[in-house]
Protein backbone atom coordinates (compact mmCIF):
# COMPACT_ATOMS: atom_id res chain seq x y z
CA MET A 1 180.90 146.99 -45.46
CA LEU A 2 178.29 148.54 -47.57
CA ARG A 3 175.13 147.32 -47.71
CA ARG A 4 172.86 147.51 -51.70
CA ARG A 5 169.49 148.81 -51.05
CA PRO A 6 166.80 146.09 -51.91
CA PRO A 7 165.24 147.06 -54.94
CA ARG A 8 161.93 149.31 -54.54
CA SER A 9 158.61 147.07 -55.29
CA ALA A 10 156.93 148.06 -57.41
CA SER A 11 153.87 149.96 -56.87
CA ALA A 12 149.48 149.00 -57.92
CA ASP A 13 149.66 151.00 -60.39
CA ASP A 14 153.13 150.13 -62.13
CA LEU A 15 151.84 146.51 -62.08
CA LEU A 16 148.27 147.00 -63.32
CA THR A 17 150.18 149.62 -66.12
CA THR A 18 152.61 146.56 -66.77
CA LEU A 19 149.76 143.93 -66.68
CA GLY A 20 147.81 146.23 -69.57
CA ARG A 21 150.78 146.53 -71.37
CA LEU A 22 151.23 142.60 -71.85
CA THR A 23 147.63 142.24 -72.16
CA ALA A 24 147.52 144.42 -75.18
CA GLN A 25 150.71 142.64 -76.46
CA ALA A 26 148.95 139.48 -76.27
CA ARG A 27 145.85 140.57 -77.57
CA GLU A 28 147.63 142.03 -80.70
CA GLY A 29 149.61 138.69 -81.17
CA ALA A 30 145.89 136.41 -81.14
CA GLU A 31 144.47 138.78 -83.60
CA LYS A 32 147.47 138.74 -85.84
CA GLN A 33 147.47 134.71 -86.04
CA ARG A 34 143.78 134.48 -85.89
CA ALA A 35 144.23 136.99 -89.27
CA ARG A 36 146.63 134.48 -90.74
CA VAL A 37 144.60 131.41 -90.29
CA GLU A 38 141.35 132.91 -91.38
CA LEU A 39 143.22 133.95 -95.13
CA ALA A 40 144.83 130.34 -95.19
CA GLU A 41 141.23 128.98 -94.55
CA ALA A 42 140.09 131.59 -97.43
CA LEU A 43 143.13 130.46 -99.53
CA GLN A 44 142.22 126.72 -99.03
CA ARG A 45 138.70 127.14 -99.73
CA GLU A 46 139.33 129.00 -103.03
CA MET A 47 142.24 126.46 -104.35
CA LEU A 48 140.67 123.14 -103.59
CA PRO A 49 137.90 122.45 -106.52
CA ALA A 50 133.95 122.40 -105.84
CA GLU A 51 134.24 119.10 -107.69
CA LEU A 52 136.28 116.78 -109.27
CA PRO A 53 135.60 115.22 -112.86
CA GLN A 54 133.91 112.13 -113.96
CA MET A 55 133.49 110.01 -117.03
CA PRO A 56 131.22 107.22 -118.47
CA GLY A 57 132.34 103.94 -115.54
CA LEU A 58 134.05 106.24 -113.45
CA ARG A 59 132.62 108.45 -110.48
CA THR A 60 134.64 110.32 -108.29
CA ALA A 61 134.40 112.15 -104.82
CA ALA A 62 136.44 114.09 -102.23
CA THR A 63 136.11 115.40 -98.75
CA TYR A 64 138.44 117.53 -97.08
CA ALA A 65 138.77 118.01 -92.77
CA PRO A 66 140.63 121.13 -91.68
CA ALA A 67 143.36 120.91 -88.42
CA ARG A 68 141.45 120.66 -85.84
CA HIS A 69 142.97 123.81 -84.15
CA GLY A 70 143.28 125.98 -86.88
CA LEU A 71 146.86 126.36 -86.61
CA ASP A 72 147.45 123.55 -89.04
CA ILE A 73 145.93 124.47 -91.87
CA GLY A 74 147.14 125.15 -95.38
CA GLY A 75 148.95 122.19 -95.95
CA ASP A 76 146.70 119.36 -97.64
CA TRP A 77 145.21 119.89 -101.21
CA TYR A 78 143.61 117.44 -104.58
CA ASP A 79 142.59 118.06 -107.54
CA GLY A 80 141.48 116.77 -110.79
CA PHE A 81 141.11 118.12 -114.24
CA PRO A 82 140.60 117.18 -118.16
CA LEU A 83 143.54 116.04 -120.17
CA PRO A 84 143.60 117.58 -124.14
CA ASP A 85 143.40 113.57 -125.07
CA GLY A 86 140.55 113.29 -122.91
CA SER A 87 141.80 111.30 -120.13
CA LEU A 88 141.43 112.53 -116.50
CA ALA A 89 144.31 113.68 -114.33
CA PHE A 90 144.33 112.79 -110.41
CA CYS A 91 146.59 114.38 -108.00
CA ILE A 92 147.12 114.55 -104.10
CA GLY A 93 149.10 116.42 -101.94
CA ASP A 94 150.77 117.72 -98.53
CA VAL A 95 153.09 120.65 -98.35
CA GLN A 96 155.80 121.34 -95.38
CA GLY A 97 154.68 123.30 -92.88
CA HIS A 98 151.10 125.58 -92.96
CA ASP A 99 149.77 128.76 -92.09
CA VAL A 100 149.51 131.30 -95.39
CA GLU A 101 152.94 130.18 -96.72
CA ALA A 102 151.98 126.73 -96.98
CA ALA A 103 148.44 127.67 -98.50
CA ALA A 104 150.04 130.11 -101.39
CA PHE A 105 152.72 127.01 -102.24
CA MET A 106 150.11 124.75 -102.29
CA GLY A 107 148.73 126.97 -104.68
CA GLN A 108 151.69 127.37 -106.83
CA ILE A 109 152.00 123.41 -106.88
CA ARG A 110 148.23 123.02 -108.08
CA LEU A 111 148.78 124.95 -110.74
CA ALA A 112 152.30 123.88 -111.92
CA LEU A 113 150.43 120.57 -112.03
CA ARG A 114 147.85 121.28 -114.42
CA ALA A 115 150.35 123.48 -116.90
CA VAL A 116 152.56 120.62 -117.05
CA ALA A 117 149.80 117.89 -117.71
CA VAL A 118 148.60 119.35 -120.98
CA HIS A 119 152.14 118.97 -122.02
CA ALA A 120 153.44 115.84 -120.65
CA ALA A 121 150.73 112.95 -119.88
CA ASP A 122 152.96 110.61 -118.23
CA PRO A 123 152.47 111.49 -114.58
CA GLY A 124 156.19 110.64 -113.84
CA GLU A 125 157.39 113.21 -116.56
CA VAL A 126 154.02 116.05 -115.08
CA LEU A 127 156.48 115.46 -111.30
CA SER A 128 159.58 115.62 -113.17
CA ARG A 129 158.73 119.03 -114.39
CA ALA A 130 156.61 120.31 -111.92
CA ASN A 131 159.35 119.28 -109.57
CA ASP A 132 161.88 121.55 -111.13
CA LEU A 133 159.74 124.34 -112.17
CA LEU A 134 158.72 124.76 -107.98
CA ILE A 135 163.01 124.15 -107.16
CA SER A 136 163.17 127.28 -109.43
CA VAL A 137 160.97 129.49 -107.60
CA ASP A 138 163.76 128.84 -104.80
CA CYS A 139 160.59 129.21 -101.88
CA GLY A 140 162.25 127.33 -99.43
CA LEU A 141 159.51 124.58 -99.01
CA PHE A 142 158.48 121.38 -100.16
CA ALA A 143 155.29 118.83 -101.01
CA THR A 144 155.04 115.19 -100.95
CA CYS A 145 152.31 114.35 -104.11
CA THR A 146 150.50 111.50 -105.82
CA PHE A 147 149.74 112.08 -109.34
CA VAL A 148 147.28 109.85 -111.18
CA ARG A 149 146.06 109.50 -114.73
CA VAL A 150 142.94 107.45 -116.17
CA ASP A 151 142.68 106.69 -119.93
CA PRO A 152 139.02 106.20 -121.46
CA VAL A 153 140.08 104.35 -123.96
CA THR A 154 142.46 101.36 -122.73
CA TRP A 155 141.05 101.90 -118.77
CA GLU A 156 144.18 101.74 -117.50
CA LEU A 157 145.36 103.43 -114.28
CA SER A 158 149.08 105.30 -114.59
CA SER A 159 150.55 106.81 -111.19
CA ALA A 160 153.58 108.21 -109.93
CA ARG A 161 154.56 109.16 -105.95
CA ALA A 162 156.53 112.29 -104.90
CA GLY A 163 157.43 110.72 -101.48
CA HIS A 164 153.56 110.89 -100.44
CA VAL A 165 151.93 107.92 -98.24
CA PRO A 166 150.16 105.44 -100.92
CA GLY A 167 147.11 105.06 -102.08
CA ILE A 168 144.30 101.95 -101.51
CA TRP A 169 142.93 99.78 -103.62
CA ALA A 170 139.72 97.42 -103.21
CA THR A 171 137.76 95.49 -106.15
CA VAL A 172 134.30 94.41 -105.54
CA ASP A 173 135.38 90.52 -105.49
CA GLY A 174 136.75 91.58 -101.84
CA ARG A 175 140.06 91.48 -102.93
CA SER A 176 142.36 94.94 -101.69
CA GLY A 177 145.96 96.26 -101.05
CA LEU A 178 148.03 99.06 -100.61
CA ALA A 179 149.54 101.05 -103.68
CA ASP A 180 152.75 100.78 -102.28
CA ASP A 181 154.45 101.79 -105.37
CA PRO A 182 158.46 103.07 -106.13
CA GLY A 183 158.50 106.90 -105.75
CA GLY A 184 160.69 109.47 -106.05
CA LEU A 185 161.82 112.86 -103.09
CA PRO A 186 158.82 115.14 -102.63
CA LEU A 187 158.68 117.75 -104.92
CA GLY A 188 160.73 120.67 -104.55
CA VAL A 189 163.88 118.82 -102.54
CA VAL A 190 166.43 118.41 -105.74
CA PRO A 191 165.96 119.10 -109.02
CA GLY A 192 166.65 116.50 -111.86
CA GLU A 193 164.41 113.87 -109.36
CA GLY A 194 162.99 111.15 -111.47
CA TYR A 195 159.69 109.28 -110.45
CA PRO A 196 158.46 106.02 -111.55
CA VAL A 197 155.46 105.52 -113.22
CA THR A 198 152.77 102.09 -111.72
CA ARG A 199 150.11 101.07 -114.61
CA ARG A 200 147.07 99.45 -113.67
CA ARG A 201 144.59 97.75 -115.66
CA LEU A 202 141.04 98.59 -114.42
CA ALA A 203 139.63 95.45 -115.32
CA LEU A 204 137.09 94.78 -112.13
CA ALA A 205 135.02 97.06 -110.62
CA GLY A 206 136.15 98.33 -107.92
CA VAL A 207 138.21 101.72 -105.73
CA PHE A 208 141.06 103.68 -106.13
CA VAL A 209 141.60 106.01 -103.08
CA LEU A 210 144.01 108.24 -102.81
CA LEU A 211 144.51 110.36 -99.05
CA THR A 212 147.26 112.26 -96.97
CA ASP A 213 148.86 111.45 -93.96
CA GLY A 214 146.50 113.58 -91.62
CA VAL A 215 143.63 110.85 -92.65
CA ILE A 216 146.32 107.55 -91.04
CA GLU A 217 147.89 109.47 -89.03
CA GLY A 218 148.30 110.77 -85.26
CA PRO A 219 149.20 111.16 -81.75
CA SER A 220 146.54 108.12 -81.49
CA PHE A 221 147.82 105.92 -84.10
CA PRO A 222 150.79 104.88 -86.17
CA ILE A 223 150.96 105.20 -89.45
CA GLU A 224 150.57 101.28 -90.43
CA ALA A 225 147.30 101.73 -88.40
CA GLY A 226 145.51 104.02 -89.97
CA LEU A 227 146.57 102.26 -93.40
CA ARG A 228 144.97 99.33 -92.26
CA GLN A 229 141.99 100.64 -91.28
CA VAL A 230 141.22 102.79 -94.24
CA THR A 231 142.06 99.45 -96.43
CA ARG A 232 139.36 97.68 -94.23
CA LEU A 233 136.63 100.53 -94.39
CA VAL A 234 137.32 101.18 -98.22
CA SER A 235 136.91 97.32 -98.92
CA ALA A 236 133.72 97.05 -97.44
CA ASN A 237 132.58 100.16 -99.33
CA ALA A 238 133.83 99.25 -102.26
CA ALA A 239 130.73 98.60 -104.21
CA GLY A 240 129.43 101.69 -102.92
CA ASP A 241 129.33 105.30 -104.46
CA PRO A 242 132.69 107.32 -104.39
CA ALA A 243 131.09 109.98 -101.73
CA THR A 244 130.45 107.09 -99.59
CA VAL A 245 134.09 105.48 -99.84
CA ALA A 246 135.19 109.02 -99.52
CA ASP A 247 133.24 109.35 -96.19
CA VAL A 248 134.76 106.02 -94.73
CA ALA A 249 138.00 106.79 -95.73
CA MET A 250 137.94 110.15 -93.90
CA SER A 251 136.27 108.25 -90.78
CA VAL A 252 139.39 107.06 -89.71
CA ALA A 253 141.05 110.33 -88.84
CA GLU A 254 138.71 110.83 -86.12
CA LEU A 255 140.09 107.90 -84.64
CA THR A 256 143.68 108.85 -84.82
CA GLY A 257 142.92 111.86 -82.88
CA HIS A 258 144.29 113.90 -86.15
CA THR A 259 145.98 117.93 -85.50
CA ASP A 260 146.82 117.83 -89.07
CA ASP A 261 144.49 118.90 -91.97
CA ALA A 262 143.24 116.05 -93.87
CA ALA A 263 142.09 115.29 -97.50
CA VAL A 264 140.85 112.17 -99.57
CA ILE A 265 139.90 111.51 -103.31
CA ALA A 266 138.23 108.02 -104.27
CA LEU A 267 137.83 106.90 -107.76
CA ARG A 268 134.90 104.19 -108.35
CA PHE A 269 135.32 102.75 -111.29
CA ASP A 270 132.69 99.91 -113.35
CA GLY A 271 134.32 96.84 -114.36
CA ALA A 272 134.63 96.16 -118.09
CA ALA A 273 131.11 94.75 -119.17
CA ASP A 274 129.67 97.99 -117.19
CA ARG A 275 131.37 100.48 -119.32
CA PRO A 276 129.46 102.35 -122.17
CA GLY A 277 130.81 100.57 -125.30
């Protein structure tokens, strides 16, 4: 019976050559990934506003925390801008996926919301039109979002949600809760989607907080526990300045062991008796 000869063992030179080739491939792959992360970080920095708009009786602040290891950057964003009728618009959202593609899509959403809001002040209509616009570009991604409008005449806060986590409200008299209002599907999923609008009268001084799930959910925390913790901290600081409120809300992200990026907007409003006019 014929016996097969065992394969020839590789020489030391062959092993070193193979190891060198694999090391070079790994280094090249790591450098490409690092370049993509740096590009996503640059896009993120450029697209997030340097500051949010304010008006007498309403002060605002925002904070952003990048992903812990850099690979999950590019998904979360926030924005704020004045509307032609004198009201202020604020939005926050989270794009499916991360890296450069998510950061680029985040930029598209931010521009779409700004463009649509000029002609449609109602938050539900803004989200509906932006949703159809994003579907028309067919990029294959989707995003959750909350869009808020504050009217300086009626002091009404109107909001609509597209699959996003609820906001949190608190007043200086000790009341607080979740703005777990009815909403629609995330942006970029189904054409023609409708988004119900919830309206709140800002009669008593307090704060309204928008955030992303990176703040309240992680390997160590279920989302319900994160929401309870943020609500408690926001309520305890409802009379403080908005930067403090944003910071204490973001501090919960450290408890959750989050790996995603995270964003917070804090809207601190005065009571009716304290507002100019």
